[in-house]
Amino acid sequence: MTDAARHGLRADAARNRDAIIAAARPVFAEHGLSAPLDEIARRAGVGNATLYRHFPTREELVQAALLGPMAEYLAAAEEAVADPDPWAGFRDYLLRLCQLQARDRGLADLLVTTIKTPSGELEQLRGTAFELTRQLIERAQAAGELRADFRHQDLPLLLMANAGLVQRTQGKAPDSWRRVAAFLLDGLQARAATPAPPAPSERAVLRVMAVGRHSDGRIQG
């Protein structure tokens, strides 16, 4: 095989990989992380074998397709921490996450599901965002604005609830999350707080976030 032929094969492989990622983004956004891979291959114009050659596991495809949206999640946390108003920073961050979930079902799933990949890039982004979230919560509580019994592990639980809401209302009442979020934020303010049951442990919440995977670590679906 000539050098030109080898280069042509490499170029074809790169084009196929890019086409798969480009097709996966809207499919995951429409159907969530359990979207059929056959549909992604069809939209990319490649066979299933080609898709699996580039992405042996669903998790690796999820990572390639959703690194951008996950980076947007991290950017939202960074912007919130930079807000000089502790309550406004926390409030706007929570609203932004709910909005991201409403816009993208794949990201809605990803924000509440841990993903195992060889490089671990998605979980690195999540870990950084979690630490910023912890700062947001502690700062708003220190200012006397956020109820004192709110824990950082409560946020994934709220996002799980919102993910279910946006999935159920999608295409019928797509802005319902805004009304529910407004009620929720009122209840999170310190001045409105009444005693709440104990928060689940951080370990328990992480186990819940892993429920979306099969026992071998694969995402269900």
C-alpha atoms as a PDB file:
ATOM      1  CA  MET A   1       0.000   0.000   0.000  1.00  0.00           C
ATOM      2  CA  THR A   2       1.346   3.411  -0.926  1.00  0.00           C
ATOM      3  CA  ASP A   3       1.819   6.244   1.563  1.00  0.00           C
ATOM      4  CA  ALA A   4      -0.951   8.149  -0.204  1.00  0.00           C
ATOM      5  CA  ALA A   5      -3.334   5.213   0.243  1.00  0.00           C
ATOM      6  CA  ARG A   6      -2.471   4.932   3.942  1.00  0.00           C
ATOM      7  CA  HIS A   7      -3.070   8.648   4.379  1.00  0.00           C
ATOM      8  CA  GLY A   8      -6.423   8.290   2.624  1.00  0.00           C
ATOM      9  CA  LEU A   9      -7.472   5.517   5.000  1.00  0.00           C
ATOM     10  CA  ARG A  10      -6.468   7.583   8.031  1.00  0.00           C
ATOM     11  CA  ALA A  11      -8.415  10.554   6.675  1.00  0.00           C
ATOM     12  CA  ASP A  12     -11.489   8.360   6.121  1.00  0.00           C
ATOM     13  CA  ALA A  13     -11.240   7.025   9.670  1.00  0.00           C
ATOM     14  CA  ALA A  14     -10.985  10.545  11.085  1.00  0.00           C
ATOM     15  CA  ARG A  15     -14.001  11.667   9.057  1.00  0.00           C
ATOM     16  CA  ASN A  16     -16.019   8.689  10.266  1.00  0.00           C
ATOM     17  CA  ARG A  17     -15.096   9.372  13.881  1.00  0.00           C
ATOM     18  CA  ASP A  18     -16.051  13.032  13.566  1.00  0.00           C
ATOM     19  CA  ALA A  19     -19.327  12.081  11.867  1.00  0.00           C
ATOM     20  CA  ILE A  20     -20.196   9.660  14.674  1.00  0.00           C
ATOM     21  CA  ILE A  21     -19.545  12.273  17.363  1.00  0.00           C
ATOM     22  CA  ALA A  22     -21.526  14.905  15.454  1.00  0.00           C
ATOM     23  CA  ALA A  23     -24.461  12.497  15.094  1.00  0.00           C
ATOM     24  CA  ALA A  24     -24.285  11.348  18.713  1.00  0.00           C
ATOM     25  CA  ARG A  25     -24.694  14.822  20.197  1.00  0.00           C
ATOM     26  CA  PRO A  26     -28.266  15.461  18.966  1.00  0.00           C
ATOM     27  CA  VAL A  27     -29.320  11.830  19.460  1.00  0.00           C
ATOM     28  CA  PHE A  28     -28.226  11.872  23.105  1.00  0.00           C
ATOM     29  CA  ALA A  29     -29.806  15.318  23.511  1.00  0.00           C
ATOM     30  CA  GLU A  30     -33.121  13.995  22.183  1.00  0.00           C
ATOM     31  CA  HIS A  31     -33.212  10.559  23.809  1.00  0.00           C
ATOM     32  CA  GLY A  32     -30.813  10.591  26.768  1.00  0.00           C
ATOM     33  CA  LEU A  33     -27.743   8.457  27.376  1.00  0.00           C
ATOM     34  CA  SER A  34     -29.592   5.203  26.652  1.00  0.00           C
ATOM     35  CA  ALA A  35     -30.316   6.339  23.072  1.00  0.00           C
ATOM     36  CA  PRO A  36     -30.029   3.541  20.475  1.00  0.00           C
ATOM     37  CA  LEU A  37     -26.539   3.375  19.008  1.00  0.00           C
ATOM     38  CA  ASP A  38     -28.047   2.079  15.756  1.00  0.00           C
ATOM     39  CA  GLU A  39     -29.679   5.480  15.290  1.00  0.00           C
ATOM     40  CA  ILE A  40     -26.367   7.254  15.852  1.00  0.00           C
ATOM     41  CA  ALA A  41     -24.668   5.049  13.253  1.00  0.00           C
ATOM     42  CA  ARG A  42     -27.522   5.651  10.802  1.00  0.00           C
ATOM     43  CA  ARG A  43     -27.343   9.431  11.169  1.00  0.00           C
ATOM     44  CA  ALA A  44     -23.562   9.334  10.858  1.00  0.00           C
ATOM     45  CA  GLY A  45     -23.838   7.325   7.643  1.00  0.00           C
ATOM     46  CA  VAL A  46     -21.661   4.486   8.934  1.00  0.00           C
ATOM     47  CA  GLY A  47     -22.213   0.862   9.847  1.00  0.00           C
ATOM     48  CA  ASN A  48     -22.465  -0.393  13.408  1.00  0.00           C
ATOM     49  CA  ALA A  49     -19.088  -2.102  13.064  1.00  0.00           C
ATOM     50  CA  THR A  50     -17.461   1.228  12.227  1.00  0.00           C
ATOM     51  CA  LEU A  51     -19.075   2.879  15.234  1.00  0.00           C
ATOM     52  CA  TYR A  52     -17.842   0.152  17.595  1.00  0.00           C
ATOM     53  CA  ARG A  53     -14.383   0.219  16.050  1.00  0.00           C
ATOM     54  CA  HIS A  54     -14.042   3.867  17.043  1.00  0.00           C
ATOM     55  CA  PHE A  55     -16.004   3.622  20.304  1.00  0.00           C
ATOM     56  CA  PRO A  56     -15.887   0.112  21.799  1.00  0.00           C
ATOM     57  CA  THR A  57     -18.166   1.142  24.677  1.00  0.00           C
ATOM     58  CA  ARG A  58     -21.147   3.444  24.978  1.00  0.00           C
ATOM     59  CA  GLU A  59     -19.326   5.316  27.744  1.00  0.00           C
ATOM     60  CA  GLU A  60     -16.471   6.271  25.430  1.00  0.00           C
ATOM     61  CA  LEU A  61     -18.943   7.651  22.891  1.00  0.00           C
ATOM     62  CA  VAL A  62     -20.813   9.544  25.614  1.00  0.00           C
ATOM     63  CA  GLN A  63     -17.549  11.107  26.720  1.00  0.00           C
ATOM     64  CA  ALA A  64     -16.551  12.157  23.201  1.00  0.00           C
ATOM     65  CA  ALA A  65     -19.993  13.599  22.480  1.00  0.00           C
ATOM     66  CA  LEU A  66     -20.676  15.313  25.804  1.00  0.00           C
ATOM     67  CA  LEU A  67     -17.335  16.744  26.876  1.00  0.00           C
ATOM     68  CA  GLY A  68     -18.488  20.099  25.493  1.00  0.00           C
ATOM     69  CA  PRO A  69     -21.790  20.227  27.411  1.00  0.00           C
ATOM     70  CA  MET A  70     -20.025  18.967  30.544  1.00  0.00           C
ATOM     71  CA  ALA A  71     -17.505  21.790  30.198  1.00  0.00           C
ATOM     72  CA  GLU A  72     -20.471  24.175  30.022  1.00  0.00           C
ATOM     73  CA  TYR A  73     -21.637  22.760  33.360  1.00  0.00           C
ATOM     74  CA  LEU A  74     -18.218  23.497  34.849  1.00  0.00           C
ATOM     75  CA  ALA A  75     -18.242  27.002  33.350  1.00  0.00           C
ATOM     76  CA  ALA A  76     -21.608  27.647  35.022  1.00  0.00           C
ATOM     77  CA  ALA A  77     -20.084  26.723  38.385  1.00  0.00           C
ATOM     78  CA  GLU A  78     -17.091  28.989  37.779  1.00  0.00           C
ATOM     79  CA  GLU A  79     -19.333  31.913  36.848  1.00  0.00           C
ATOM     80  CA  ALA A  80     -21.470  31.358  39.934  1.00  0.00           C
ATOM     81  CA  VAL A  81     -18.462  31.361  42.261  1.00  0.00           C
ATOM     82  CA  ALA A  82     -17.317  34.625  40.658  1.00  0.00           C
ATOM     83  CA  ASP A  83     -20.649  36.311  41.474  1.00  0.00           C
ATOM     84  CA  PRO A  84     -20.085  38.637  44.464  1.00  0.00           C
ATOM     85  CA  ASP A  85     -23.628  37.987  45.744  1.00  0.00           C
ATOM     86  CA  PRO A  86     -23.639  34.578  47.513  1.00  0.00           C
ATOM     87  CA  TRP A  87     -27.372  33.930  47.116  1.00  0.00           C
ATOM     88  CA  ALA A  88     -27.553  35.185  43.524  1.00  0.00           C
ATOM     89  CA  GLY A  89     -24.589  32.992  42.610  1.00  0.00           C
ATOM     90  CA  PHE A  90     -26.202  29.883  44.084  1.00  0.00           C
ATOM     91  CA  ARG A  91     -29.676  30.701  42.724  1.00  0.00           C
ATOM     92  CA  ASP A  92     -28.496  31.404  39.193  1.00  0.00           C
ATOM     93  CA  TYR A  93     -26.318  28.284  39.208  1.00  0.00           C
ATOM     94  CA  LEU A  94     -29.218  26.038  40.145  1.00  0.00           C
ATOM     95  CA  LEU A  95     -31.447  27.659  37.526  1.00  0.00           C
ATOM     96  CA  ARG A  96     -28.713  27.280  34.908  1.00  0.00           C
ATOM     97  CA  LEU A  97     -28.326  23.569  35.626  1.00  0.00           C
ATOM     98  CA  CYS A  98     -32.078  23.048  35.384  1.00  0.00           C
ATOM     99  CA  GLN A  99     -32.071  24.919  32.076  1.00  0.00           C
ATOM    100  CA  LEU A 100     -29.207  22.797  30.727  1.00  0.00           C
ATOM    101  CA  GLN A 101     -31.142  19.669  31.657  1.00  0.00           C
ATOM    102  CA  ALA A 102     -34.268  20.939  29.921  1.00  0.00           C
ATOM    103  CA  ARG A 103     -32.295  21.664  26.762  1.00  0.00           C
ATOM    104  CA  ASP A 104     -30.338  18.414  26.579  1.00  0.00           C
ATOM    105  CA  ARG A 105     -31.618  15.064  27.862  1.00  0.00           C
ATOM    106  CA  GLY A 106     -28.168  13.558  27.477  1.00  0.00           C
ATOM    107  CA  LEU A 107     -26.691  16.159  29.799  1.00  0.00           C
ATOM    108  CA  ALA A 108     -29.714  15.814  32.084  1.00  0.00           C
ATOM    109  CA  ASP A 109     -28.790  12.139  32.494  1.00  0.00           C
ATOM    110  CA  LEU A 110     -25.067  12.805  32.711  1.00  0.00           C
ATOM    111  CA  LEU A 111     -25.380  15.299  35.564  1.00  0.00           C
ATOM    112  CA  VAL A 112     -26.863  12.548  37.729  1.00  0.00           C
ATOM    113  CA  THR A 113     -25.017   9.479  36.372  1.00  0.00           C
ATOM    114  CA  THR A 114     -21.362   8.645  36.906  1.00  0.00           C
ATOM    115  CA  ILE A 115     -19.475   7.508  33.797  1.00  0.00           C
ATOM    116  CA  LYS A 116     -16.453   5.209  33.774  1.00  0.00           C
ATOM    117  CA  THR A 117     -14.025   5.617  30.872  1.00  0.00           C
ATOM    118  CA  PRO A 118     -10.306   4.830  30.546  1.00  0.00           C
ATOM    119  CA  SER A 119      -9.326   8.515  30.552  1.00  0.00           C
ATOM    120  CA  GLY A 120     -11.876   9.592  33.164  1.00  0.00           C
ATOM    121  CA  GLU A 121     -12.222  13.053  31.601  1.00  0.00           C
ATOM    122  CA  LEU A 122     -15.922  13.436  32.353  1.00  0.00           C
ATOM    123  CA  GLU A 123     -15.502  12.529  36.004  1.00  0.00           C
ATOM    124  CA  GLN A 124     -12.574  14.930  36.328  1.00  0.00           C
ATOM    125  CA  LEU A 125     -14.830  17.746  35.122  1.00  0.00           C
ATOM    126  CA  ARG A 126     -17.579  16.607  37.476  1.00  0.00           C
ATOM    127  CA  GLY A 127     -15.167  16.519  40.412  1.00  0.00           C
ATOM    128  CA  THR A 128     -14.001  20.072  39.762  1.00  0.00           C
ATOM    129  CA  ALA A 129     -17.594  21.287  39.449  1.00  0.00           C
ATOM    130  CA  PHE A 130     -18.531  19.488  42.686  1.00  0.00           C
ATOM    131  CA  GLU A 131     -15.815  21.330  44.594  1.00  0.00           C
ATOM    132  CA  LEU A 132     -17.017  24.670  43.229  1.00  0.00           C
ATOM    133  CA  THR A 133     -20.572  23.702  44.141  1.00  0.00           C
ATOM    134  CA  ARG A 134     -19.447  23.005  47.685  1.00  0.00           C
ATOM    135  CA  GLN A 135     -17.953  26.503  47.829  1.00  0.00           C
ATOM    136  CA  LEU A 136     -21.192  28.021  46.526  1.00  0.00           C
ATOM    137  CA  ILE A 137     -23.247  26.251  49.161  1.00  0.00           C
ATOM    138  CA  GLU A 138     -20.933  27.119  52.048  1.00  0.00           C
ATOM    139  CA  ARG A 139     -20.706  30.752  50.957  1.00  0.00           C
ATOM    140  CA  ALA A 140     -24.490  31.156  50.676  1.00  0.00           C
ATOM    141  CA  GLN A 141     -24.952  29.521  54.076  1.00  0.00           C
ATOM    142  CA  ALA A 142     -22.299  31.717  55.685  1.00  0.00           C
ATOM    143  CA  ALA A 143     -24.186  34.747  54.355  1.00  0.00           C
ATOM    144  CA  GLY A 144     -27.349  33.502  56.069  1.00  0.00           C
ATOM    145  CA  GLU A 145     -29.177  33.141  52.749  1.00  0.00           C
ATOM    146  CA  LEU A 146     -29.231  29.377  52.112  1.00  0.00           C
ATOM    147  CA  ARG A 147     -30.823  27.093  54.686  1.00  0.00           C
ATOM    148  CA  ALA A 148     -28.180  25.663  57.009  1.00  0.00           C
ATOM    149  CA  ASP A 149     -29.199  22.020  56.600  1.00  0.00           C
ATOM    150  CA  PHE A 150     -28.687  21.931  52.816  1.00  0.00           C
ATOM    151  CA  ARG A 151     -25.803  19.628  51.859  1.00  0.00           C
ATOM    152  CA  HIS A 152     -23.840  19.477  48.620  1.00  0.00           C
ATOM    153  CA  GLN A 153     -25.074  15.917  48.051  1.00  0.00           C
ATOM    154  CA  ASP A 154     -28.625  17.276  48.006  1.00  0.00           C
ATOM    155  CA  LEU A 155     -27.973  18.983  44.671  1.00  0.00           C
ATOM    156  CA  PRO A 156     -27.760  15.765  42.592  1.00  0.00           C
ATOM    157  CA  LEU A 157     -31.059  14.682  44.152  1.00  0.00           C
ATOM    158  CA  LEU A 158     -32.694  17.938  43.056  1.00  0.00           C
ATOM    159  CA  LEU A 159     -31.276  17.455  39.571  1.00  0.00           C
ATOM    160  CA  MET A 160     -32.632  13.892  39.467  1.00  0.00           C
ATOM    161  CA  ALA A 161     -36.077  15.293  40.223  1.00  0.00           C
ATOM    162  CA  ASN A 162     -35.711  17.951  37.540  1.00  0.00           C
ATOM    163  CA  ALA A 163     -34.469  15.377  35.008  1.00  0.00           C
ATOM    164  CA  GLY A 164     -37.643  13.378  35.537  1.00  0.00           C
ATOM    165  CA  LEU A 165     -39.760  16.498  35.209  1.00  0.00           C
ATOM    166  CA  VAL A 166     -38.210  17.673  31.939  1.00  0.00           C
ATOM    167  CA  GLN A 167     -38.453  14.184  30.459  1.00  0.00           C
ATOM    168  CA  ARG A 168     -42.141  13.887  31.349  1.00  0.00           C
ATOM    169  CA  THR A 169     -43.091  17.397  30.160  1.00  0.00           C
ATOM    170  CA  GLN A 170     -40.884  17.510  27.048  1.00  0.00           C
ATOM    171  CA  GLY A 171     -42.858  18.687  24.029  1.00  0.00           C
ATOM    172  CA  LYS A 172     -46.017  19.263  26.082  1.00  0.00           C
ATOM    173  CA  ALA A 173     -45.200  21.753  28.839  1.00  0.00           C
ATOM    174  CA  PRO A 174     -41.467  22.305  28.300  1.00  0.00           C
ATOM    175  CA  ASP A 175     -41.124  25.321  30.612  1.00  0.00           C
ATOM    176  CA  SER A 176     -42.733  23.654  33.636  1.00  0.00           C
ATOM    177  CA  TRP A 177     -39.311  23.267  35.233  1.00  0.00           C
ATOM    178  CA  ARG A 178     -39.099  27.051  35.659  1.00  0.00           C
ATOM    179  CA  ARG A 179     -42.179  27.159  37.891  1.00  0.00           C
ATOM    180  CA  VAL A 180     -41.057  24.188  39.964  1.00  0.00           C
ATOM    181  CA  ALA A 181     -37.561  25.677  40.327  1.00  0.00           C
ATOM    182  CA  ALA A 182     -39.067  28.936  41.598  1.00  0.00           C
ATOM    183  CA  PHE A 183     -40.990  27.039  44.291  1.00  0.00           C
ATOM    184  CA  LEU A 184     -37.869  25.059  45.123  1.00  0.00           C
ATOM    185  CA  LEU A 185     -35.664  28.122  45.519  1.00  0.00           C
ATOM    186  CA  ASP A 186     -38.158  29.734  47.884  1.00  0.00           C
ATOM    187  CA  GLY A 187     -37.939  26.633  50.053  1.00  0.00           C
ATOM    188  CA  LEU A 188     -34.142  26.718  50.052  1.00  0.00           C
ATOM    189  CA  GLN A 189     -33.887  30.193  51.524  1.00  0.00           C
ATOM    190  CA  ALA A 190     -32.897  30.320  55.175  1.00  0.00           C
ATOM    191  CA  ARG A 191     -35.792  32.585  56.131  1.00  0.00           C
ATOM    192  CA  ALA A 192     -38.305  30.007  54.869  1.00  0.00           C
ATOM    193  CA  ALA A 193     -36.617  26.931  56.332  1.00  0.00           C
ATOM    194  CA  THR A 194     -38.448  24.411  58.477  1.00  0.00           C
ATOM    195  CA  PRO A 195     -36.807  21.253  59.878  1.00  0.00           C
ATOM    196  CA  ALA A 196     -36.048  18.662  57.191  1.00  0.00           C
ATOM    197  CA  PRO A 197     -35.224  14.953  57.461  1.00  0.00           C
ATOM    198  CA  PRO A 198     -31.496  14.099  57.499  1.00  0.00           C
ATOM    199  CA  ALA A 199     -29.650  14.240  54.187  1.00  0.00           C
ATOM    200  CA  PRO A 200     -28.464  10.949  52.679  1.00  0.00           C
ATOM    201  CA  SER A 201     -24.735  10.350  52.927  1.00  0.00           C
ATOM    202  CA  GLU A 202     -22.451  11.353  50.088  1.00  0.00           C
ATOM    203  CA  ARG A 203     -21.653   7.670  49.530  1.00  0.00           C
ATOM    204  CA  ALA A 204     -25.347   6.825  49.252  1.00  0.00           C
ATOM    205  CA  VAL A 205     -25.892   9.535  46.640  1.00  0.00           C
ATOM    206  CA  LEU A 206     -22.911   8.291  44.629  1.00  0.00           C
ATOM    207  CA  ARG A 207     -24.429   4.805  44.691  1.00  0.00           C
ATOM    208  CA  VAL A 208     -27.675   6.275  43.374  1.00  0.00           C
ATOM    209  CA  MET A 209     -25.769   8.021  40.588  1.00  0.00           C
ATOM    210  CA  ALA A 210     -24.308   4.653  39.591  1.00  0.00           C
ATOM    211  CA  VAL A 211     -27.753   3.012  39.372  1.00  0.00           C
ATOM    212  CA  GLY A 212     -27.970   4.094  35.727  1.00  0.00           C
ATOM    213  CA  ARG A 213     -25.300   1.521  34.867  1.00  0.00           C
ATOM    214  CA  HIS A 214     -25.349  -2.246  34.526  1.00  0.00           C
ATOM    215  CA  SER A 215     -23.398  -4.292  37.065  1.00  0.00           C
ATOM    216  CA  ASP A 216     -20.395  -4.309  34.707  1.00  0.00           C
ATOM    217  CA  GLY A 217     -20.398  -0.503  34.574  1.00  0.00           C
ATOM    218  CA  ARG A 218     -22.169  -0.014  31.228  1.00  0.00           C
ATOM    219  CA  ILE A 219     -24.901   2.601  30.923  1.00  0.00           C
ATOM    220  CA  GLN A 220     -28.295   0.966  30.790  1.00  0.00           C
ATOM    221  CA  GLY A 221     -29.847   0.897  27.344  1.00  0.00           C
END
